[in-house]
C-alpha atoms as a PDB file:
ATOM      1  CA  UNK A   1       0.000   0.000   0.000  1.00  0.00           C
ATOM      2  CA  UNK A   2       2.903   2.354   0.447  1.00  0.00           C
ATOM      3  CA  UNK A   3       6.597   2.470   1.382  1.00  0.00           C
ATOM      4  CA  UNK A   4       8.431  -0.757   0.517  1.00  0.00           C
ATOM      5  CA  UNK A   5       5.213  -2.788   0.394  1.00  0.00           C
ATOM      6  CA  UNK A   6       4.591  -2.238   4.113  1.00  0.00           C
ATOM      7  CA  UNK A   7       1.036  -1.964   5.353  1.00  0.00           C
ATOM      8  CA  UNK A   8       0.273   1.467   6.774  1.00  0.00           C
ATOM      9  CA  UNK A   9       0.386   5.187   6.119  1.00  0.00           C
ATOM     10  CA  UNK A  10       3.170   7.704   5.516  1.00  0.00           C
ATOM     11  CA  UNK A  11       3.088  10.754   7.813  1.00  0.00           C
ATOM     12  CA  UNK A  12       4.781  14.044   6.962  1.00  0.00           C
ATOM     13  CA  UNK A  13       5.016  16.701   9.674  1.00  0.00           C
ATOM     14  CA  UNK A  14       5.425  20.314   8.524  1.00  0.00           C
ATOM     15  CA  UNK A  15       6.506  22.634  11.347  1.00  0.00           C
ATOM     16  CA  UNK A  16       5.234  26.025  10.208  1.00  0.00           C
ATOM     17  CA  UNK A  17       5.269  27.434  13.736  1.00  0.00           C
ATOM     18  CA  UNK A  18       7.820  29.784  15.293  1.00  0.00           C
ATOM     19  CA  UNK A  19       9.089  27.189  17.769  1.00  0.00           C
ATOM     20  CA  UNK A  20      10.666  23.746  17.867  1.00  0.00           C
ATOM     21  CA  UNK A  21       8.346  20.774  18.332  1.00  0.00           C
ATOM     22  CA  UNK A  22       9.915  18.700  21.120  1.00  0.00           C
ATOM     23  CA  UNK A  23       8.030  15.573  20.124  1.00  0.00           C
ATOM     24  CA  UNK A  24       5.095  14.483  18.036  1.00  0.00           C
ATOM     25  CA  UNK A  25       3.559  11.046  18.511  1.00  0.00           C
ATOM     26  CA  UNK A  26       0.972   9.507  16.183  1.00  0.00           C
ATOM     27  CA  UNK A  27      -0.758   6.236  17.025  1.00  0.00           C
ATOM     28  CA  UNK A  28      -3.740   4.225  15.912  1.00  0.00           C
ATOM     29  CA  UNK A  29      -6.745   4.439  18.222  1.00  0.00           C
ATOM     30  CA  UNK A  30      -6.104   0.859  19.408  1.00  0.00           C
ATOM     31  CA  UNK A  31      -2.512   1.919  20.353  1.00  0.00           C
ATOM     32  CA  UNK A  32      -1.061  -1.082  18.453  1.00  0.00           C
ATOM     33  CA  UNK A  33       0.928   1.134  16.071  1.00  0.00           C
ATOM     34  CA  UNK A  34       2.855   4.249  17.094  1.00  0.00           C
ATOM     35  CA  UNK A  35       5.578   6.513  15.736  1.00  0.00           C
ATOM     36  CA  UNK A  36       7.374   9.330  17.515  1.00  0.00           C
ATOM     37  CA  UNK A  37       9.289  12.167  15.876  1.00  0.00           C
ATOM     38  CA  UNK A  38      11.460  14.476  17.973  1.00  0.00           C
ATOM     39  CA  UNK A  39      13.199  17.833  17.701  1.00  0.00           C
ATOM     40  CA  UNK A  40      11.363  19.228  14.675  1.00  0.00           C
ATOM     41  CA  UNK A  41      12.773  22.721  14.185  1.00  0.00           C
ATOM     42  CA  UNK A  42      10.680  25.643  12.895  1.00  0.00           C
ATOM     43  CA  UNK A  43      10.435  25.475   9.108  1.00  0.00           C
ATOM     44  CA  UNK A  44      11.499  21.816   9.121  1.00  0.00           C
ATOM     45  CA  UNK A  45       9.649  18.820   7.692  1.00  0.00           C
ATOM     46  CA  UNK A  46      10.023  15.251   8.960  1.00  0.00           C
ATOM     47  CA  UNK A  47       8.406  12.052   7.773  1.00  0.00           C
ATOM     48  CA  UNK A  48       7.945   8.518   9.002  1.00  0.00           C
ATOM     49  CA  UNK A  49       5.875   5.475   8.196  1.00  0.00           C
ATOM     50  CA  UNK A  50       3.189   4.203  10.580  1.00  0.00           C
ATOM     51  CA  UNK A  51       3.266   0.437  10.132  1.00  0.00           C
ATOM     52  CA  UNK A  52      -0.264  -0.859  10.735  1.00  0.00           C
ATOM     53  CA  UNK A  53       0.375  -4.571  10.283  1.00  0.00           C
ATOM     54  CA  UNK A  54      -0.431  -5.207  13.972  1.00  0.00           C
ATOM     55  CA  UNK A  55      -3.492  -2.938  14.125  1.00  0.00           C
ATOM     56  CA  UNK A  56      -6.758  -4.547  15.248  1.00  0.00           C
ATOM     57  CA  UNK A  57      -9.151  -5.286  12.367  1.00  0.00           C
ATOM     58  CA  UNK A  58     -11.620  -2.583  13.406  1.00  0.00           C
ATOM     59  CA  UNK A  59     -12.552   0.978  12.501  1.00  0.00           C
ATOM     60  CA  UNK A  60     -10.533   3.738  14.111  1.00  0.00           C
ATOM     61  CA  UNK A  61      -8.658   7.003  13.813  1.00  0.00           C
ATOM     62  CA  UNK A  62      -5.155   8.286  14.417  1.00  0.00           C
ATOM     63  CA  UNK A  63      -4.340  10.178  17.600  1.00  0.00           C
ATOM     64  CA  UNK A  64      -1.675  12.840  17.433  1.00  0.00           C
ATOM     65  CA  UNK A  65       0.048  14.229  20.532  1.00  0.00           C
ATOM     66  CA  UNK A  66       2.212  17.320  20.066  1.00  0.00           C
ATOM     67  CA  UNK A  67       4.624  18.542  22.752  1.00  0.00           C
ATOM     68  CA  UNK A  68       6.378  21.907  22.800  1.00  0.00           C
ATOM     69  CA  UNK A  69       7.882  23.947  25.609  1.00  0.00           C
ATOM     70  CA  UNK A  70       4.624  25.936  25.756  1.00  0.00           C
ATOM     71  CA  UNK A  71       1.983  23.208  25.631  1.00  0.00           C
ATOM     72  CA  UNK A  72       0.838  19.682  24.882  1.00  0.00           C
ATOM     73  CA  UNK A  73      -1.923  19.309  22.300  1.00  0.00           C
ATOM     74  CA  UNK A  74      -3.859  16.199  21.329  1.00  0.00           C
ATOM     75  CA  UNK A  75      -5.926  15.826  18.175  1.00  0.00           C
ATOM     76  CA  UNK A  76      -7.701  12.955  16.440  1.00  0.00           C
ATOM     77  CA  UNK A  77      -6.988  12.895  12.728  1.00  0.00           C
ATOM     78  CA  UNK A  78      -7.887  10.708   9.765  1.00  0.00           C
ATOM     79  CA  UNK A  79      -9.766   7.450   9.719  1.00  0.00           C
ATOM     80  CA  UNK A  80      -9.154   3.793   8.921  1.00  0.00           C
ATOM     81  CA  UNK A  81     -11.611   0.932   8.492  1.00  0.00           C
ATOM     82  CA  UNK A  82     -11.211  -2.743   9.413  1.00  0.00           C
ATOM     83  CA  UNK A  83      -7.594  -1.927  10.346  1.00  0.00           C
ATOM     84  CA  UNK A  84      -6.919  -0.766   6.781  1.00  0.00           C
ATOM     85  CA  UNK A  85      -5.749   2.808   6.136  1.00  0.00           C
ATOM     86  CA  UNK A  86      -7.896   4.767   3.691  1.00  0.00           C
ATOM     87  CA  UNK A  87      -5.013   7.133   2.977  1.00  0.00           C
ATOM     88  CA  UNK A  88      -1.596   6.595   1.490  1.00  0.00           C
ATOM     89  CA  UNK A  89      -0.212   9.724   3.140  1.00  0.00           C
ATOM     90  CA  UNK A  90      -1.197  12.246   5.802  1.00  0.00           C
ATOM     91  CA  UNK A  91       0.458  15.677   5.899  1.00  0.00           C
ATOM     92  CA  UNK A  92       0.208  17.419   9.280  1.00  0.00           C
ATOM     93  CA  UNK A  93       0.734  21.197   9.321  1.00  0.00           C
ATOM     94  CA  UNK A  94       1.575  22.719  12.702  1.00  0.00           C
ATOM     95  CA  UNK A  95       1.324  26.498  13.127  1.00  0.00           C
ATOM     96  CA  UNK A  96       1.458  28.582  16.293  1.00  0.00           C
ATOM     97  CA  UNK A  97      -2.322  28.523  16.697  1.00  0.00           C
ATOM     98  CA  UNK A  98      -3.577  25.458  14.833  1.00  0.00           C
ATOM     99  CA  UNK A  99      -2.965  21.936  13.616  1.00  0.00           C
ATOM    100  CA  UNK A 100      -4.379  20.994  10.230  1.00  0.00           C
ATOM    101  CA  UNK A 101      -3.957  17.960   8.051  1.00  0.00           C
ATOM    102  CA  UNK A 102      -4.491  16.837   4.491  1.00  0.00           C
ATOM    103  CA  UNK A 103      -4.649  13.318   3.111  1.00  0.00           C
ATOM    104  CA  UNK A 104      -3.666  11.584  -0.078  1.00  0.00           C
ATOM    105  CA  UNK A 105      -6.191   8.854  -0.697  1.00  0.00           C
ATOM    106  CA  UNK A 106      -4.817   5.396  -1.351  1.00  0.00           C
ATOM    107  CA  UNK A 107      -5.071   4.106  -4.881  1.00  0.00           C
ATOM    108  CA  UNK A 108      -6.168   0.693  -3.565  1.00  0.00           C
END
């Protein structure tokens, strides 16, 4: 479905804020799959692949937890069904006052 025939979704974090993101964790709602990116400087972009091969065969969403020196923010993003991601890629855009995301729908 995406990177190297792994089963999951690619996540790209765009730090458009004026501060460094200490850490950003994204996990499936069943907590079976998690990635953590650290030290994302302002203006920087980082990406990782959330391998969902161990995710429970149920409907769910992704939970994102963002930590900076100023605050911790949690947001539910995206959706998957029967443990299968609907999206090939999720771009997360972090600004000083908001967190937005866009998706690239899987071709499968």
